[in-house]
Amino acid sequence: FPMVRTTVLSEANFDVKPAGTNAIVAVIAHSGFDMEDALIISKGSYDRGFKHGSVYKTKVINCPPKGTVGSRLTQFRADNHSVKGEKVVKDLDYDGIPYIGQQVHEGDPICRVLNKGTGEAKLEKYKEGEVAWVEQVNMIGGGG
């Protein structure tokens, strides 16, 4: 609540209704050399998400290793099945990619790529330090 209130502010009920001002930078100079500053933020705009943001990052994972050409390109696919048809990595879906909405931390698996020719699998892990949520996954064909 404000320390000082005018009659007009009380009548307009500005404690409940937003006044249209989100933030004010206040600067005061005590003398020519020492200055103080502050950021005054409207409680209403803060409650509505003032200065809040989201960061979106795209991670591209190539199934075939670089330099793979010709018919060998089709040997690689995202897959999370064992020979018995069970999941190999519990945090990934059967198609070898994470679930939509899944929270991932540093070191968590985000993709399992299987080489159908050799049977070897490569696990791609999340390497960022910040927690992330999977919002969308696109499987893109490698058209030439």
N, C-alpha and C. Protein backbone atom coordinates (compact mmCIF):
# COMPACT_ATOMS: atom_id res chain seq x y z
N PHE A 1 0.84 -1.19 0.00
CA PHE A 1 0.00 0.00 0.00
C PHE A 1 0.88 1.24 0.00
N PRO A 2 0.40 2.29 -0.62
CA PRO A 2 1.22 3.51 -0.66
C PRO A 2 1.32 4.15 0.72
N MET A 3 2.46 4.81 0.97
CA MET A 3 2.65 5.51 2.25
C MET A 3 1.80 6.78 2.28
N VAL A 4 1.67 7.43 1.14
CA VAL A 4 0.89 8.66 1.05
C VAL A 4 -0.18 8.44 -0.01
N ARG A 5 -1.38 8.92 0.27
CA ARG A 5 -2.48 8.71 -0.66
C ARG A 5 -3.29 9.99 -0.77
N THR A 6 -3.58 10.37 -2.00
CA THR A 6 -4.42 11.55 -2.21
C THR A 6 -5.88 11.14 -2.16
N THR A 7 -6.74 12.13 -2.06
CA THR A 7 -8.18 11.86 -2.04
C THR A 7 -8.64 11.22 -3.35
N VAL A 8 -8.08 11.70 -4.47
CA VAL A 8 -8.47 11.16 -5.78
C VAL A 8 -8.09 9.68 -5.89
N LEU A 9 -6.89 9.33 -5.42
CA LEU A 9 -6.48 7.93 -5.46
C LEU A 9 -7.40 7.05 -4.61
N SER A 10 -7.82 7.56 -3.46
CA SER A 10 -8.72 6.79 -2.60
C SER A 10 -10.09 6.63 -3.25
N GLU A 11 -10.61 7.71 -3.86
CA GLU A 11 -11.93 7.65 -4.50
C GLU A 11 -11.90 6.74 -5.73
N ALA A 12 -10.80 6.74 -6.47
CA ALA A 12 -10.71 5.92 -7.68
C ALA A 12 -10.40 4.46 -7.36
N ASN A 13 -10.07 4.18 -6.10
CA ASN A 13 -9.79 2.81 -5.65
C ASN A 13 -8.62 2.20 -6.43
N PHE A 14 -7.52 2.94 -6.55
CA PHE A 14 -6.36 2.48 -7.32
C PHE A 14 -5.59 1.35 -6.64
N ASP A 15 -5.93 1.02 -5.38
CA ASP A 15 -5.29 -0.12 -4.75
C ASP A 15 -5.75 -1.43 -5.39
N VAL A 16 -6.95 -1.42 -5.95
CA VAL A 16 -7.51 -2.63 -6.55
C VAL A 16 -7.39 -2.61 -8.06
N LYS A 17 -7.60 -1.45 -8.68
CA LYS A 17 -7.57 -1.33 -10.13
C LYS A 17 -6.19 -0.88 -10.59
N PRO A 18 -5.68 -1.46 -11.69
CA PRO A 18 -4.38 -1.01 -12.19
C PRO A 18 -4.46 0.41 -12.74
N ALA A 19 -3.40 1.18 -12.53
CA ALA A 19 -3.40 2.58 -12.94
C ALA A 19 -2.78 2.78 -14.31
N GLY A 20 -2.24 1.74 -14.92
CA GLY A 20 -1.64 1.89 -16.24
C GLY A 20 -0.14 2.10 -16.20
N THR A 21 0.45 2.27 -15.05
CA THR A 21 1.89 2.43 -14.93
C THR A 21 2.47 1.12 -14.40
N ASN A 22 3.41 0.55 -15.14
CA ASN A 22 4.00 -0.72 -14.73
C ASN A 22 5.18 -0.53 -13.80
N ALA A 23 6.07 0.41 -14.14
CA ALA A 23 7.27 0.61 -13.33
C ALA A 23 7.76 2.04 -13.49
N ILE A 24 8.43 2.52 -12.46
CA ILE A 24 9.01 3.86 -12.47
C ILE A 24 10.44 3.74 -11.95
N VAL A 25 11.37 4.38 -12.62
CA VAL A 25 12.75 4.44 -12.14
C VAL A 25 12.88 5.73 -11.35
N ALA A 26 13.25 5.60 -10.09
CA ALA A 26 13.40 6.77 -9.22
C ALA A 26 14.88 6.99 -8.93
N VAL A 27 15.34 8.21 -9.11
CA VAL A 27 16.73 8.58 -8.85
C VAL A 27 16.73 9.80 -7.94
N ILE A 28 17.53 9.76 -6.88
CA ILE A 28 17.65 10.90 -5.98
C ILE A 28 19.13 11.21 -5.80
N ALA A 29 19.45 12.49 -5.82
CA ALA A 29 20.84 12.93 -5.63
C ALA A 29 20.92 13.68 -4.31
N HIS A 30 21.70 13.14 -3.38
CA HIS A 30 21.90 13.80 -2.09
C HIS A 30 22.82 15.00 -2.26
N SER A 31 23.84 14.83 -3.06
CA SER A 31 24.74 15.92 -3.41
C SER A 31 25.18 15.64 -4.85
N GLY A 32 26.21 16.27 -5.30
CA GLY A 32 26.64 16.07 -6.67
C GLY A 32 27.33 14.75 -6.92
N PHE A 33 27.70 14.02 -5.85
CA PHE A 33 28.51 12.82 -6.02
C PHE A 33 27.83 11.53 -5.62
N ASP A 34 26.89 11.58 -4.71
CA ASP A 34 26.24 10.34 -4.28
C ASP A 34 24.78 10.33 -4.73
N MET A 35 24.47 9.30 -5.50
CA MET A 35 23.12 9.17 -6.03
C MET A 35 22.57 7.80 -5.64
N GLU A 36 21.30 7.75 -5.41
CA GLU A 36 20.61 6.50 -5.12
C GLU A 36 19.55 6.29 -6.20
N ASP A 37 19.32 5.04 -6.53
CA ASP A 37 18.27 4.77 -7.52
C ASP A 37 17.45 3.57 -7.06
N ALA A 38 16.27 3.47 -7.63
CA ALA A 38 15.37 2.37 -7.28
C ALA A 38 14.41 2.13 -8.43
N LEU A 39 13.87 0.95 -8.48
CA LEU A 39 12.83 0.62 -9.44
C LEU A 39 11.55 0.36 -8.65
N ILE A 40 10.55 1.17 -8.91
CA ILE A 40 9.27 1.03 -8.24
C ILE A 40 8.34 0.28 -9.19
N ILE A 41 7.89 -0.88 -8.78
CA ILE A 41 7.06 -1.74 -9.63
C ILE A 41 5.64 -1.77 -9.09
N SER A 42 4.68 -1.60 -9.98
CA SER A 42 3.28 -1.69 -9.62
C SER A 42 2.95 -3.12 -9.22
N LYS A 43 2.30 -3.29 -8.06
CA LYS A 43 1.97 -4.63 -7.58
C LYS A 43 1.05 -5.36 -8.56
N GLY A 44 0.12 -4.64 -9.16
CA GLY A 44 -0.80 -5.25 -10.12
C GLY A 44 -0.07 -5.79 -11.34
N SER A 45 0.89 -5.02 -11.87
CA SER A 45 1.63 -5.50 -13.04
C SER A 45 2.56 -6.64 -12.66
N TYR A 46 3.11 -6.62 -11.45
CA TYR A 46 3.95 -7.72 -10.99
C TYR A 46 3.12 -9.01 -10.87
N ASP A 47 1.91 -8.89 -10.33
CA ASP A 47 1.03 -10.05 -10.20
C ASP A 47 0.63 -10.61 -11.56
N ARG A 48 0.57 -9.76 -12.57
CA ARG A 48 0.19 -10.20 -13.92
C ARG A 48 1.38 -10.71 -14.72
N GLY A 49 2.59 -10.73 -14.13
CA GLY A 49 3.74 -11.31 -14.81
C GLY A 49 4.74 -10.32 -15.36
N PHE A 50 4.81 -9.11 -14.81
CA PHE A 50 5.77 -8.11 -15.26
C PHE A 50 7.20 -8.66 -15.12
N LYS A 51 8.00 -8.50 -16.17
CA LYS A 51 9.40 -8.94 -16.21
C LYS A 51 9.53 -10.46 -16.16
N HIS A 52 8.51 -11.18 -16.57
CA HIS A 52 8.55 -12.63 -16.62
C HIS A 52 8.76 -13.05 -18.07
N GLY A 53 9.55 -14.05 -18.29
CA GLY A 53 9.79 -14.47 -19.67
C GLY A 53 10.10 -15.95 -19.75
N SER A 54 10.08 -16.47 -20.95
CA SER A 54 10.41 -17.86 -21.23
C SER A 54 11.47 -17.91 -22.31
N VAL A 55 12.35 -18.87 -22.22
CA VAL A 55 13.39 -19.05 -23.22
C VAL A 55 13.12 -20.37 -23.94
N TYR A 56 13.02 -20.30 -25.26
CA TYR A 56 12.83 -21.50 -26.06
C TYR A 56 14.14 -21.85 -26.75
N LYS A 57 14.48 -23.13 -26.72
CA LYS A 57 15.71 -23.58 -27.35
C LYS A 57 15.40 -24.80 -28.20
N THR A 58 16.00 -24.84 -29.38
CA THR A 58 15.81 -25.96 -30.29
C THR A 58 17.04 -26.85 -30.25
N LYS A 59 16.82 -28.14 -30.09
CA LYS A 59 17.92 -29.11 -30.10
C LYS A 59 17.71 -30.01 -31.31
N VAL A 60 18.68 -30.05 -32.22
CA VAL A 60 18.61 -30.89 -33.41
C VAL A 60 19.54 -32.08 -33.21
N ILE A 61 18.99 -33.28 -33.36
CA ILE A 61 19.77 -34.51 -33.23
C ILE A 61 19.72 -35.24 -34.56
N ASN A 62 20.87 -35.46 -35.16
CA ASN A 62 20.94 -36.21 -36.41
C ASN A 62 21.09 -37.69 -36.09
N CYS A 63 20.19 -38.51 -36.63
CA CYS A 63 20.28 -39.96 -36.39
C CYS A 63 21.53 -40.56 -37.03
N PRO A 64 21.73 -40.38 -38.34
CA PRO A 64 22.98 -40.92 -38.90
C PRO A 64 24.16 -40.01 -38.57
N PRO A 65 25.32 -40.59 -38.28
CA PRO A 65 26.50 -39.76 -38.02
C PRO A 65 26.88 -38.96 -39.27
N LYS A 66 27.60 -37.86 -39.06
CA LYS A 66 28.04 -37.05 -40.20
C LYS A 66 28.91 -37.90 -41.12
N GLY A 67 28.73 -37.70 -42.40
CA GLY A 67 29.50 -38.44 -43.39
C GLY A 67 28.81 -39.70 -43.88
N THR A 68 27.65 -40.04 -43.30
CA THR A 68 26.92 -41.23 -43.75
C THR A 68 26.21 -40.90 -45.05
N VAL A 69 26.38 -41.74 -46.06
CA VAL A 69 25.78 -41.47 -47.38
C VAL A 69 25.07 -42.71 -47.90
N GLY A 70 24.24 -42.50 -48.92
CA GLY A 70 23.61 -43.60 -49.64
C GLY A 70 22.64 -44.41 -48.81
N SER A 71 22.65 -45.71 -49.05
CA SER A 71 21.69 -46.60 -48.40
C SER A 71 21.95 -46.74 -46.90
N ARG A 72 23.14 -46.39 -46.44
CA ARG A 72 23.44 -46.48 -45.01
C ARG A 72 22.63 -45.48 -44.19
N LEU A 73 22.09 -44.42 -44.85
CA LEU A 73 21.29 -43.43 -44.13
C LEU A 73 20.06 -44.05 -43.49
N THR A 74 19.48 -45.05 -44.13
CA THR A 74 18.25 -45.66 -43.62
C THR A 74 18.50 -46.66 -42.49
N GLN A 75 19.76 -46.93 -42.16
CA GLN A 75 20.07 -47.87 -41.08
C GLN A 75 19.83 -47.26 -39.70
N PHE A 76 19.76 -45.94 -39.61
CA PHE A 76 19.69 -45.27 -38.32
C PHE A 76 18.27 -44.76 -38.08
N ARG A 77 17.78 -44.97 -36.85
CA ARG A 77 16.47 -44.44 -36.49
C ARG A 77 16.39 -44.29 -34.98
N ALA A 78 15.50 -43.39 -34.55
CA ALA A 78 15.24 -43.24 -33.12
C ALA A 78 14.39 -44.42 -32.68
N ASP A 79 14.86 -45.16 -31.69
CA ASP A 79 14.17 -46.39 -31.29
C ASP A 79 14.50 -46.67 -29.82
N ASN A 80 13.54 -47.21 -29.09
CA ASN A 80 13.76 -47.53 -27.68
C ASN A 80 13.20 -48.92 -27.35
N HIS A 81 13.23 -49.84 -28.32
CA HIS A 81 12.75 -51.21 -28.11
C HIS A 81 13.93 -52.16 -27.88
N SER A 82 13.72 -53.10 -27.00
CA SER A 82 14.69 -54.19 -26.88
C SER A 82 14.27 -55.30 -27.85
N VAL A 83 15.04 -56.36 -27.90
CA VAL A 83 14.71 -57.50 -28.76
C VAL A 83 13.37 -58.10 -28.34
N LYS A 84 13.07 -58.06 -27.04
CA LYS A 84 11.81 -58.61 -26.52
C LYS A 84 10.64 -57.63 -26.67
N GLY A 85 10.90 -56.42 -27.19
CA GLY A 85 9.83 -55.43 -27.35
C GLY A 85 9.61 -54.54 -26.14
N GLU A 86 10.50 -54.63 -25.16
CA GLU A 86 10.38 -53.80 -23.96
C GLU A 86 11.16 -52.51 -24.13
N LYS A 87 10.84 -51.53 -23.29
CA LYS A 87 11.59 -50.27 -23.30
C LYS A 87 12.99 -50.50 -22.77
N VAL A 88 13.97 -49.87 -23.42
CA VAL A 88 15.35 -49.96 -22.96
C VAL A 88 15.64 -48.85 -21.95
N VAL A 89 15.26 -47.62 -22.30
CA VAL A 89 15.47 -46.45 -21.43
C VAL A 89 14.10 -46.03 -20.92
N LYS A 90 13.90 -46.06 -19.60
CA LYS A 90 12.56 -45.83 -19.05
C LYS A 90 12.06 -44.40 -19.24
N ASP A 91 12.95 -43.41 -19.36
CA ASP A 91 12.52 -42.02 -19.49
C ASP A 91 12.15 -41.63 -20.91
N LEU A 92 12.33 -42.53 -21.87
CA LEU A 92 12.00 -42.24 -23.26
C LEU A 92 10.81 -43.08 -23.71
N ASP A 93 10.07 -42.57 -24.69
CA ASP A 93 8.95 -43.31 -25.26
C ASP A 93 9.50 -44.45 -26.12
N TYR A 94 8.64 -45.32 -26.61
CA TYR A 94 9.08 -46.45 -27.43
C TYR A 94 9.75 -46.02 -28.72
N ASP A 95 9.45 -44.81 -29.19
CA ASP A 95 10.09 -44.33 -30.42
C ASP A 95 11.44 -43.69 -30.19
N GLY A 96 11.95 -43.71 -28.96
CA GLY A 96 13.30 -43.23 -28.67
C GLY A 96 13.41 -41.75 -28.40
N ILE A 97 12.29 -41.05 -28.26
CA ILE A 97 12.31 -39.61 -27.99
C ILE A 97 11.54 -39.34 -26.70
N PRO A 98 11.76 -38.18 -26.07
CA PRO A 98 11.08 -37.90 -24.80
C PRO A 98 9.59 -37.62 -25.00
N TYR A 99 8.86 -37.73 -23.91
CA TYR A 99 7.43 -37.43 -23.92
C TYR A 99 7.22 -35.91 -23.96
N ILE A 100 6.13 -35.48 -24.57
CA ILE A 100 5.78 -34.06 -24.57
C ILE A 100 5.42 -33.68 -23.13
N GLY A 101 5.96 -32.57 -22.66
CA GLY A 101 5.73 -32.12 -21.29
C GLY A 101 6.69 -32.69 -20.28
N GLN A 102 7.59 -33.55 -20.71
CA GLN A 102 8.55 -34.18 -19.80
C GLN A 102 9.59 -33.16 -19.34
N GLN A 103 9.90 -33.20 -18.06
CA GLN A 103 10.93 -32.33 -17.50
C GLN A 103 12.27 -33.05 -17.63
N VAL A 104 13.28 -32.34 -18.14
CA VAL A 104 14.60 -32.94 -18.30
C VAL A 104 15.64 -32.12 -17.54
N HIS A 105 16.56 -32.83 -16.93
CA HIS A 105 17.66 -32.23 -16.18
C HIS A 105 18.97 -32.61 -16.87
N GLU A 106 20.05 -31.95 -16.47
CA GLU A 106 21.36 -32.26 -17.05
C GLU A 106 21.68 -33.74 -16.85
N GLY A 107 22.06 -34.41 -17.95
CA GLY A 107 22.40 -35.83 -17.90
C GLY A 107 21.25 -36.76 -18.23
N ASP A 108 20.02 -36.25 -18.31
CA ASP A 108 18.87 -37.10 -18.66
C ASP A 108 18.92 -37.47 -20.14
N PRO A 109 18.48 -38.68 -20.49
CA PRO A 109 18.45 -39.06 -21.91
C PRO A 109 17.35 -38.31 -22.66
N ILE A 110 17.66 -37.83 -23.88
CA ILE A 110 16.65 -37.15 -24.68
C ILE A 110 16.43 -37.83 -26.03
N CYS A 111 17.29 -38.79 -26.39
CA CYS A 111 17.09 -39.51 -27.65
C CYS A 111 17.96 -40.77 -27.65
N ARG A 112 17.41 -41.84 -28.18
CA ARG A 112 18.18 -43.08 -28.35
C ARG A 112 18.13 -43.44 -29.83
N VAL A 113 19.30 -43.48 -30.46
CA VAL A 113 19.40 -43.76 -31.90
C VAL A 113 19.97 -45.16 -32.08
N LEU A 114 19.27 -45.96 -32.88
CA LEU A 114 19.65 -47.35 -33.12
C LEU A 114 20.20 -47.50 -34.53
N ASN A 115 21.34 -48.17 -34.64
CA ASN A 115 21.90 -48.54 -35.94
C ASN A 115 21.38 -49.94 -36.25
N LYS A 116 20.44 -50.04 -37.19
CA LYS A 116 19.83 -51.34 -37.51
C LYS A 116 20.83 -52.32 -38.10
N GLY A 117 21.87 -51.80 -38.75
CA GLY A 117 22.87 -52.68 -39.36
C GLY A 117 23.72 -53.40 -38.35
N THR A 118 24.18 -52.69 -37.32
CA THR A 118 25.07 -53.29 -36.32
C THR A 118 24.35 -53.64 -35.02
N GLY A 119 23.19 -53.06 -34.78
CA GLY A 119 22.47 -53.28 -33.53
C GLY A 119 22.95 -52.39 -32.40
N GLU A 120 23.93 -51.52 -32.67
CA GLU A 120 24.44 -50.61 -31.65
C GLU A 120 23.48 -49.44 -31.46
N ALA A 121 23.39 -48.97 -30.23
CA ALA A 121 22.53 -47.83 -29.92
C ALA A 121 23.36 -46.72 -29.31
N LYS A 122 23.02 -45.49 -29.67
CA LYS A 122 23.71 -44.32 -29.11
C LYS A 122 22.67 -43.52 -28.33
N LEU A 123 23.01 -43.15 -27.10
CA LEU A 123 22.10 -42.39 -26.25
C LEU A 123 22.54 -40.94 -26.21
N GLU A 124 21.67 -40.04 -26.61
CA GLU A 124 21.95 -38.60 -26.57
C GLU A 124 21.40 -38.07 -25.25
N LYS A 125 22.23 -37.32 -24.51
CA LYS A 125 21.81 -36.81 -23.20
C LYS A 125 21.68 -35.30 -23.23
N TYR A 126 20.86 -34.78 -22.31
CA TYR A 126 20.64 -33.34 -22.17
C TYR A 126 21.85 -32.76 -21.47
N LYS A 127 22.47 -31.73 -22.08
CA LYS A 127 23.74 -31.21 -21.56
C LYS A 127 23.64 -29.83 -20.93
N GLU A 128 22.48 -29.21 -20.96
CA GLU A 128 22.33 -27.86 -20.40
C GLU A 128 22.22 -27.92 -18.88
N GLY A 129 22.64 -26.85 -18.22
CA GLY A 129 22.59 -26.79 -16.77
C GLY A 129 21.22 -26.47 -16.21
N GLU A 130 20.35 -25.83 -17.01
CA GLU A 130 19.03 -25.44 -16.53
C GLU A 130 18.00 -26.53 -16.82
N VAL A 131 17.01 -26.62 -15.96
CA VAL A 131 15.91 -27.56 -16.15
C VAL A 131 15.10 -27.12 -17.37
N ALA A 132 14.61 -28.09 -18.14
CA ALA A 132 13.81 -27.76 -19.33
C ALA A 132 12.61 -28.69 -19.42
N TRP A 133 11.62 -28.25 -20.19
CA TRP A 133 10.43 -29.05 -20.46
C TRP A 133 10.33 -29.25 -21.96
N VAL A 134 10.03 -30.45 -22.39
CA VAL A 134 9.89 -30.76 -23.81
C VAL A 134 8.51 -30.29 -24.24
N GLU A 135 8.48 -29.37 -25.19
CA GLU A 135 7.19 -28.85 -25.67
C GLU A 135 6.79 -29.46 -27.00
N GLN A 136 7.75 -29.75 -27.85
CA GLN A 136 7.43 -30.24 -29.19
C GLN A 136 8.59 -31.07 -29.70
N VAL A 137 8.27 -32.15 -30.43
CA VAL A 137 9.28 -32.99 -31.06
C VAL A 137 8.87 -33.18 -32.51
N ASN A 138 9.77 -32.90 -33.43
CA ASN A 138 9.51 -33.09 -34.86
C ASN A 138 10.50 -34.09 -35.42
N MET A 139 10.00 -35.08 -36.10
CA MET A 139 10.85 -36.04 -36.80
C MET A 139 10.91 -35.58 -38.25
N ILE A 140 12.10 -35.27 -38.75
CA ILE A 140 12.27 -34.71 -40.08
C ILE A 140 13.05 -35.70 -40.94
N GLY A 141 12.52 -35.98 -42.12
CA GLY A 141 13.22 -36.87 -43.05
C GLY A 141 14.40 -36.15 -43.67
N GLY A 142 15.42 -36.89 -44.02
CA GLY A 142 16.64 -36.31 -44.58
C GLY A 142 16.60 -36.26 -46.09
N GLY A 143 15.71 -35.47 -46.64
CA GLY A 143 15.63 -35.35 -48.10
C GLY A 143 16.91 -34.76 -48.67
N GLY A 144 17.30 -35.22 -49.85
CA GLY A 144 18.58 -34.81 -50.41
C GLY A 144 18.45 -33.73 -51.38
